[in-house]
Amino acid sequence: MIRIGIALAALAVCTAAAAQPTPRTTLDVPLPAPDGFVLNPYAGPGRLAIGRDGVHYVLLHAFKPVPNASPPTSEGRVDLLALAPDGTVKQRRSVPIEHSMGFVGFDLDSLGVAAVRSGELAVFASGFKSTAAGRTSATLFRFAADLSLKKTTRLGPPTTKPGKGDDGESFYGVSVYMPTSDNALLLGGGYGPGPQAWWMGKFNLDGKRLWQAGPGSGIPERVTAIAERKGGAWLSLVAEMRKGGGELEWFLRRYTGDGKLIERKRVAVPVHAAATVLRDGAVVALDADEGKQQGELVFVDDSGRVQQRVPWPFAQTASMIADGDGIAAIVETKVASKTERFIVRADAKGAIRWRSAAAAADEIVSTPDGAIAALVRIGKSDAVLHLIRYADP
């Protein structure tokens, strides 16, 4: 009977997967590296942003390989592209990155772009820079809508008072690049030489630090997701080290519009890689483990109380974003198998709306017209990055 039950459960999962609709592909545009360059293979979040007018903004980090040399490159390049909603490249310009070179491009821990309500762009870069002033550097670039550079600002560490000194050691590891309703930029992730403590901060486009929270007191920690609530308040989902060390725990932190902590509530859900803040509450994706073949979604309210737990027919969730009244995610049918990644869209209760064909997706973003834009790598060696848009069936 046990074997029959297991077989029926597996059949149910397979049937559910087979029944998932396939989205329409409404755009597929290759984004090749410049001639003589190869794309940096280590993708990070924040390289794709969508303006209110539907324009796509993409950061391409590439390097020029030098055969039989050590290190294998001495030249890197970061390009900012603006593509119209139909995929036509409107503008392209190089970002004046001044960081030191690594093996596959600039030695960066963070690289991201955000499109703010005014139509301007903010590009943030942080990484190693060998200078007399310090070992690391963080820079905020302000671009106009036509990609003309308006201002470059060095950002000091969280402990530095505004206007006091240069950025001696700015160890920012940012994974959240969020434009605010008042034309500013909210960054979130971690801070420190690594492992990092959680940190978040709000800046205007000229690099003035408006407020910050953190760094936290433990390592490793991170800010995973942030959402703006009505009235200008902020709700963030933070993985914090348990007091006294040991294990990581989820906390929902609520802040006023000017950064004052209102509430901190523990979320009694194991810390896994993928989670996001929704319109109401948050959701955490639990990956499959040795005792189960599929994952689980756990929905919590703004106070961290578990509202519901639903099956999630994927072994691992690589990343997740809030998407209208639901979620979108990059998932894997086998743990740590990037070759079997899929993009899925689900409603507010975790029911799958559609699942894409297998795609080596790095990043997904919701678009103003209700689609999902993704950066996908095509090919095994010297892969070309594609900008793909998925619409509902």
Protein backbone atom coordinates (compact mmCIF):
# COMPACT_ATOMS: atom_id res chain seq x y z
CA MET A 1 0.00 0.00 0.00
CA ILE A 2 2.85 2.38 0.80
CA ARG A 3 4.40 1.81 -2.63
CA ILE A 4 1.03 2.38 -4.28
CA GLY A 5 0.64 5.64 -2.35
CA ILE A 6 4.09 6.84 -3.41
CA ALA A 7 3.38 5.92 -7.03
CA LEU A 8 0.06 7.78 -6.98
CA ALA A 9 1.72 10.85 -5.44
CA ALA A 10 4.44 10.82 -8.09
CA LEU A 11 1.78 10.42 -10.80
CA ALA A 12 -0.12 13.39 -9.40
CA VAL A 13 3.01 15.54 -9.50
CA CYS A 14 3.80 14.50 -13.08
CA THR A 15 0.18 15.11 -14.15
CA ALA A 16 0.22 18.57 -12.56
CA ALA A 17 3.50 19.40 -14.31
CA ALA A 18 2.16 18.18 -17.65
CA ALA A 19 -0.99 20.26 -17.22
CA GLN A 20 0.90 23.52 -16.72
CA PRO A 21 0.23 25.83 -19.71
CA THR A 22 3.10 27.24 -21.75
CA PRO A 23 3.43 31.03 -22.04
CA ARG A 24 3.62 32.95 -25.30
CA THR A 25 7.07 34.28 -26.22
CA THR A 26 6.46 37.83 -27.47
CA LEU A 27 10.08 38.96 -27.65
CA ASP A 28 13.43 37.22 -28.06
CA VAL A 29 16.38 39.54 -28.65
CA PRO A 30 20.05 38.42 -28.52
CA LEU A 31 22.36 40.73 -26.56
CA PRO A 32 25.84 39.77 -27.73
CA ALA A 33 28.98 41.02 -26.04
CA PRO A 34 31.02 43.63 -27.95
CA ASP A 35 33.40 42.32 -30.60
CA GLY A 36 36.37 40.57 -29.03
CA PHE A 37 34.67 40.33 -25.62
CA VAL A 38 33.00 37.47 -23.74
CA LEU A 39 30.19 37.83 -21.21
CA ASN A 40 31.10 37.45 -17.56
CA PRO A 41 29.73 34.00 -16.64
CA TYR A 42 28.91 34.90 -13.03
CA ALA A 43 25.55 36.58 -13.28
CA GLY A 44 24.14 38.54 -10.37
CA PRO A 45 20.75 40.12 -9.68
CA GLY A 46 19.88 43.63 -10.74
CA ARG A 47 21.10 43.74 -14.35
CA LEU A 48 17.59 44.09 -15.83
CA ALA A 49 15.12 46.90 -15.18
CA ILE A 50 11.93 48.02 -16.93
CA GLY A 51 10.89 51.67 -17.19
CA ARG A 52 7.31 52.87 -16.75
CA ASP A 53 7.17 53.32 -20.53
CA GLY A 54 8.15 49.69 -21.13
CA VAL A 55 11.77 50.38 -22.12
CA HIS A 56 14.16 47.57 -21.11
CA TYR A 57 17.47 48.50 -19.49
CA VAL A 58 20.20 45.84 -19.39
CA LEU A 59 23.72 45.85 -17.98
CA LEU A 60 26.21 43.69 -19.89
CA HIS A 61 29.44 42.86 -18.03
CA ALA A 62 32.07 41.48 -20.42
CA PHE A 63 35.82 40.91 -20.62
CA LYS A 64 38.39 40.48 -23.38
CA PRO A 65 40.04 37.05 -23.04
CA VAL A 66 43.79 36.69 -23.40
CA PRO A 67 44.71 33.09 -24.35
CA ASN A 68 47.44 31.34 -22.36
CA ALA A 69 47.84 34.27 -19.98
CA SER A 70 47.50 34.65 -16.23
CA PRO A 71 45.27 36.37 -15.39
CA PRO A 72 43.31 35.56 -18.55
CA THR A 73 42.18 39.16 -19.08
CA SER A 74 43.31 42.72 -18.49
CA GLU A 75 40.35 44.52 -20.03
CA GLY A 76 36.74 44.66 -18.91
CA ARG A 77 33.65 46.51 -20.02
CA VAL A 78 30.17 47.22 -18.64
CA ASP A 79 27.60 48.44 -21.18
CA LEU A 80 24.20 49.90 -20.40
CA LEU A 81 21.59 49.18 -23.09
CA ALA A 82 18.16 50.74 -23.56
CA LEU A 83 15.80 48.63 -25.68
CA ALA A 84 12.35 49.73 -26.84
CA PRO A 85 9.35 47.52 -25.97
CA ASP A 86 9.74 45.86 -29.40
CA GLY A 87 13.38 44.99 -28.64
CA THR A 88 15.02 47.66 -30.80
CA VAL A 89 18.22 48.97 -29.24
CA LYS A 90 17.64 52.70 -28.65
CA GLN A 91 20.88 53.60 -26.90
CA ARG A 92 24.05 51.88 -25.74
CA ARG A 93 26.89 53.34 -23.72
CA SER A 94 29.74 52.13 -21.55
CA VAL A 95 29.56 52.69 -17.81
CA PRO A 96 32.84 54.25 -16.60
CA ILE A 97 33.70 51.49 -14.13
CA GLU A 98 37.07 52.07 -12.43
CA HIS A 99 37.36 48.92 -10.33
CA SER A 100 40.28 46.52 -10.51
CA MET A 101 40.26 43.63 -12.96
CA GLY A 102 39.48 40.09 -11.92
CA PHE A 103 39.75 36.89 -13.96
CA VAL A 104 36.51 37.44 -15.93
CA GLY A 105 36.03 41.18 -15.95
CA PHE A 106 35.87 43.80 -13.24
CA ASP A 107 36.19 42.52 -9.67
CA LEU A 108 32.63 43.40 -8.65
CA ASP A 109 30.44 42.12 -5.81
CA SER A 110 27.43 44.18 -6.91
CA LEU A 111 26.23 45.53 -10.24
CA GLY A 112 22.66 46.66 -10.81
CA VAL A 113 20.39 49.17 -12.52
CA ALA A 114 17.08 50.72 -11.48
CA ALA A 115 14.69 52.84 -13.56
CA VAL A 116 13.11 55.53 -11.37
CA ARG A 117 9.75 57.22 -11.89
CA SER A 118 11.31 60.39 -13.37
CA GLY A 119 12.69 58.36 -16.29
CA GLU A 120 16.27 58.57 -15.03
CA LEU A 121 18.46 55.58 -14.23
CA ALA A 122 20.63 54.63 -11.28
CA VAL A 123 23.50 52.18 -11.72
CA PHE A 124 25.26 50.87 -8.61
CA ALA A 125 28.62 49.08 -8.66
CA SER A 126 30.67 47.84 -5.74
CA GLY A 127 33.82 45.78 -5.65
CA PHE A 128 37.58 45.69 -5.29
CA LYS A 129 39.62 48.73 -6.20
CA SER A 130 43.32 48.91 -5.46
CA THR A 131 43.87 52.52 -4.34
CA ALA A 132 45.74 54.35 -1.63
CA ALA A 133 42.39 55.29 -0.05
CA GLY A 134 41.18 51.74 0.47
CA ARG A 135 40.60 48.24 -0.79
CA THR A 136 37.02 48.43 -2.01
CA SER A 137 34.81 50.99 -3.63
CA ALA A 138 31.09 51.64 -4.17
CA THR A 139 29.83 53.99 -6.88
CA LEU A 140 26.40 55.31 -7.83
CA PHE A 141 26.00 56.53 -11.42
CA ARG A 142 23.10 58.80 -12.37
CA PHE A 143 22.01 58.58 -16.01
CA ALA A 144 19.41 60.57 -17.93
CA ALA A 145 16.77 58.78 -19.98
CA ASP A 146 18.99 59.19 -23.06
CA LEU A 147 21.81 57.42 -21.13
CA SER A 148 23.90 60.57 -20.79
CA LEU A 149 25.88 60.47 -17.54
CA LYS A 150 24.71 63.20 -15.15
CA LYS A 151 26.67 62.42 -11.97
CA THR A 152 29.05 59.90 -10.40
CA THR A 153 29.13 59.56 -6.60
CA ARG A 154 31.33 57.43 -4.38
CA LEU A 155 29.41 55.86 -1.50
CA GLY A 156 31.22 55.40 1.78
CA PRO A 157 30.61 52.65 4.31
CA PRO A 158 27.50 52.76 6.53
CA THR A 159 29.59 54.00 9.48
CA THR A 160 30.87 57.04 7.58
CA LYS A 161 29.09 60.33 8.26
CA PRO A 162 27.81 62.07 5.10
CA GLY A 163 30.47 64.29 3.60
CA LYS A 164 33.24 62.91 5.81
CA GLY A 165 36.06 61.32 3.87
CA ASP A 166 36.12 58.91 0.96
CA ASP A 167 34.87 55.32 0.84
CA GLY A 168 37.74 53.53 2.54
CA GLU A 169 36.22 50.05 2.61
CA SER A 170 32.76 49.83 1.05
CA PHE A 171 32.00 46.12 1.11
CA TYR A 172 28.47 46.23 -0.31
CA GLY A 173 26.83 43.04 -1.55
CA VAL A 174 23.53 44.26 -3.00
CA SER A 175 20.74 42.06 -4.37
CA VAL A 176 17.79 44.50 -4.16
CA TYR A 177 17.74 47.55 -6.46
CA MET A 178 14.37 49.24 -5.97
CA PRO A 179 13.18 52.60 -7.28
CA THR A 180 11.00 54.49 -4.81
CA SER A 181 7.86 56.54 -5.35
CA ASP A 182 9.81 59.75 -4.65
CA ASN A 183 12.48 59.21 -7.34
CA ALA A 184 15.10 57.71 -5.05
CA LEU A 185 16.82 54.34 -4.82
CA LEU A 186 16.53 51.68 -2.12
CA LEU A 187 19.37 49.16 -1.96
CA GLY A 188 19.38 45.99 0.12
CA GLY A 189 21.57 42.95 0.68
CA GLY A 190 24.63 42.72 2.90
CA TYR A 191 27.66 44.62 4.06
CA GLY A 192 31.15 43.57 5.13
CA PRO A 193 34.15 41.72 3.67
CA GLY A 194 32.21 38.44 3.75
CA PRO A 195 30.37 36.61 5.05
CA GLN A 196 28.20 39.73 5.23
CA ALA A 197 25.77 41.16 7.74
CA TRP A 198 22.38 42.37 6.48
CA TRP A 199 22.07 45.99 5.35
CA MET A 200 19.69 48.29 3.46
CA GLY A 201 19.80 51.97 2.60
CA LYS A 202 17.95 54.69 0.70
CA PHE A 203 19.80 57.20 -1.49
CA ASN A 204 18.78 60.02 -3.76
CA LEU A 205 20.13 59.93 -7.30
CA ASP A 206 22.99 62.27 -6.37
CA GLY A 207 24.24 59.68 -3.87
CA LYS A 208 23.05 61.36 -0.68
CA ARG A 209 22.31 58.74 1.99
CA LEU A 210 18.75 59.45 3.16
CA TRP A 211 18.57 56.62 5.71
CA GLN A 212 19.93 53.17 6.35
CA ALA A 213 19.30 50.12 8.50
CA GLY A 214 22.09 47.82 9.56
CA PRO A 215 24.62 46.38 9.18
CA GLY A 216 23.31 43.57 11.33
CA SER A 217 25.21 41.94 14.14
CA GLY A 218 25.71 38.45 12.68
CA ILE A 219 27.15 36.73 9.63
CA PRO A 220 26.11 35.47 7.15
CA GLU A 221 22.93 37.53 6.81
CA ARG A 222 21.05 39.25 3.99
CA VAL A 223 18.10 41.41 3.01
CA THR A 224 16.20 39.27 0.53
CA ALA A 225 13.26 41.45 -0.52
CA ILE A 226 11.71 44.85 0.13
CA ALA A 227 8.31 46.31 -0.72
CA GLU A 228 6.78 49.74 -0.27
CA ARG A 229 3.49 49.85 1.59
CA LYS A 230 0.71 52.46 1.44
CA GLY A 231 1.68 55.68 3.16
CA GLY A 232 5.36 55.28 2.29
CA ALA A 233 6.25 52.60 4.86
CA TRP A 234 8.64 49.77 3.97
CA LEU A 235 8.43 46.05 4.67
CA SER A 236 11.60 44.01 4.32
CA LEU A 237 12.31 40.30 4.60
CA VAL A 238 15.65 39.77 6.33
CA ALA A 239 17.63 36.63 7.11
CA GLU A 240 19.28 37.34 10.47
CA MET A 241 21.59 35.28 12.64
CA ARG A 242 19.92 34.00 15.79
CA LYS A 243 21.00 35.91 18.88
CA GLY A 244 24.07 34.22 20.29
CA GLY A 245 24.95 32.69 16.91
CA GLY A 246 23.95 29.39 15.41
CA GLU A 247 21.15 29.46 12.85
CA LEU A 248 19.60 31.98 10.49
CA GLU A 249 16.01 33.07 11.00
CA TRP A 250 13.58 35.10 8.88
CA PHE A 251 12.37 38.44 10.21
CA LEU A 252 9.87 40.88 8.73
CA ARG A 253 11.09 44.41 9.47
CA ARG A 254 8.74 47.36 9.01
CA TYR A 255 10.14 50.89 8.65
CA THR A 256 8.62 54.33 8.25
CA GLY A 257 9.25 56.27 5.08
CA ASP A 258 12.24 57.97 6.71
CA GLY A 259 13.77 54.72 7.96
CA LYS A 260 12.60 54.42 11.58
CA LEU A 261 12.00 50.85 12.71
CA ILE A 262 8.33 50.29 13.56
CA GLU A 263 8.16 46.54 14.01
CA ARG A 264 10.31 43.42 13.85
CA LYS A 265 8.53 40.07 13.70
CA ARG A 266 10.07 36.60 13.50
CA VAL A 267 8.83 34.29 10.74
CA ALA A 268 8.77 30.67 11.89
CA VAL A 269 9.86 29.23 8.54
CA PRO A 270 13.28 27.73 7.72
CA VAL A 271 15.60 30.06 5.86
CA HIS A 272 15.96 29.03 2.23
CA ALA A 273 17.36 30.93 -0.73
CA ALA A 274 14.17 32.17 -2.38
CA ALA A 275 11.59 34.45 -0.78
CA THR A 276 9.83 37.70 -1.58
CA VAL A 277 7.54 40.35 -0.09
CA LEU A 278 4.08 40.41 -1.64
CA ARG A 279 1.36 43.06 -1.77
CA ASP A 280 0.18 41.59 1.52
CA GLY A 281 2.67 39.63 3.58
CA ALA A 282 5.46 37.50 2.14
CA VAL A 283 6.20 34.02 0.80
CA VAL A 284 9.12 31.64 1.35
CA ALA A 285 9.96 28.75 -0.97
CA LEU A 286 11.16 25.61 0.81
CA ASP A 287 13.31 23.40 -1.40
CA ALA A 288 12.98 19.64 -1.64
CA ASP A 289 15.11 17.62 0.74
CA GLU A 290 15.94 13.97 1.27
CA GLY A 291 12.49 13.28 2.64
CA LYS A 292 10.46 14.83 -0.17
CA GLN A 293 10.59 15.16 -3.93
CA GLN A 294 9.00 18.58 -4.28
CA GLY A 295 9.14 21.91 -2.54
CA GLU A 296 6.61 23.95 -0.62
CA LEU A 297 5.45 27.57 -0.50
CA VAL A 298 4.74 29.13 2.88
CA PHE A 299 2.68 32.33 2.89
CA VAL A 300 2.82 34.67 5.90
CA ASP A 301 1.04 37.93 6.73
CA ASP A 302 2.70 41.27 7.52
CA SER A 303 3.16 40.17 11.13
CA GLY A 304 4.95 36.95 10.18
CA ARG A 305 2.08 34.58 11.00
CA VAL A 306 1.78 31.57 8.69
CA GLN A 307 -1.40 31.85 6.61
CA GLN A 308 -1.10 28.79 4.40
CA ARG A 309 1.31 26.16 3.13
CA VAL A 310 0.91 24.77 -0.38
CA PRO A 311 2.79 22.17 -2.46
CA TRP A 312 5.31 23.60 -4.93
CA PRO A 313 6.09 21.01 -7.62
CA PHE A 314 9.77 21.92 -8.02
CA ALA A 315 12.88 20.64 -6.31
CA GLN A 316 14.56 24.03 -5.95
CA THR A 317 13.66 27.69 -6.39
CA ALA A 318 16.60 29.77 -7.59
CA SER A 319 14.88 33.16 -7.28
CA MET A 320 11.43 34.65 -6.78
CA ILE A 321 9.74 38.01 -7.31
CA ALA A 322 6.37 39.52 -6.48
CA ASP A 323 4.29 39.65 -9.65
CA GLY A 324 1.02 41.58 -9.44
CA ASP A 325 -1.24 39.62 -7.11
CA GLY A 326 1.00 36.55 -7.31
CA ILE A 327 4.59 35.46 -7.84
CA ALA A 328 7.04 34.57 -10.59
CA ALA A 329 10.09 32.39 -10.05
CA ILE A 330 13.05 30.65 -11.62
CA VAL A 331 12.82 27.00 -10.59
CA GLU A 332 14.68 23.74 -11.07
CA THR A 333 13.23 20.25 -11.35
CA LYS A 334 16.47 18.85 -9.94
CA VAL A 335 18.48 20.47 -7.16
CA ALA A 336 21.36 22.61 -8.46
CA SER A 337 20.65 21.74 -12.09
CA LYS A 338 20.85 24.98 -14.08
CA THR A 339 20.29 23.07 -17.31
CA GLU A 340 16.76 22.19 -16.17
CA ARG A 341 15.60 25.63 -15.12
CA PHE A 342 12.14 26.94 -15.87
CA ILE A 343 10.34 30.24 -15.40
CA VAL A 344 6.96 29.89 -13.74
CA ARG A 345 4.11 32.23 -12.89
CA ALA A 346 1.73 31.48 -10.04
CA ASP A 347 -1.23 33.15 -8.36
CA ALA A 348 -1.46 34.40 -4.78
CA LYS A 349 -2.23 30.85 -3.58
CA GLY A 350 0.67 29.19 -5.37
CA ALA A 351 -1.36 27.68 -8.24
CA ILE A 352 0.76 27.54 -11.41
CA ARG A 353 -0.50 29.82 -14.18
CA TRP A 354 2.17 28.76 -16.67
CA ARG A 355 5.62 27.23 -16.97
CA SER A 356 8.12 28.09 -19.71
CA ALA A 357 10.21 25.66 -21.69
CA ALA A 358 13.61 24.87 -20.16
CA ALA A 359 15.70 28.04 -20.08
CA ALA A 360 19.05 28.95 -18.52
CA ALA A 361 17.47 32.02 -16.93
CA ASP A 362 19.51 34.39 -14.76
CA GLU A 363 16.94 37.03 -13.85
CA ILE A 364 13.23 37.89 -14.19
CA VAL A 365 11.31 41.17 -13.90
CA SER A 366 7.62 42.02 -14.15
CA THR A 367 6.75 44.48 -16.92
CA PRO A 368 4.18 47.31 -16.82
CA ASP A 369 1.95 45.51 -19.35
CA GLY A 370 1.73 42.32 -17.30
CA ALA A 371 4.43 40.22 -18.96
CA ILE A 372 7.60 38.67 -17.53
CA ALA A 373 10.95 39.79 -18.96
CA ALA A 374 13.93 37.48 -18.48
CA LEU A 375 17.65 37.35 -19.15
CA VAL A 376 18.43 33.91 -20.56
CA ARG A 377 21.76 32.44 -21.69
CA ILE A 378 21.66 30.51 -24.96
CA GLY A 379 24.49 28.12 -25.80
CA LYS A 380 27.01 26.18 -23.72
CA SER A 381 30.29 27.92 -24.48
CA ASP A 382 30.56 31.70 -24.96
CA ALA A 383 26.81 31.85 -24.34
CA VAL A 384 24.89 34.78 -25.77
CA LEU A 385 22.51 36.57 -23.44
CA HIS A 386 18.93 36.92 -24.69
CA LEU A 387 16.20 39.27 -23.53
CA ILE A 388 12.97 37.24 -23.61
CA ARG A 389 9.44 38.34 -22.74
CA TYR A 390 6.78 35.82 -21.71
CA ALA A 391 3.07 36.63 -21.85
CA ASP A 392 0.13 34.66 -20.52
CA PRO A 393 -1.19 31.94 -22.88
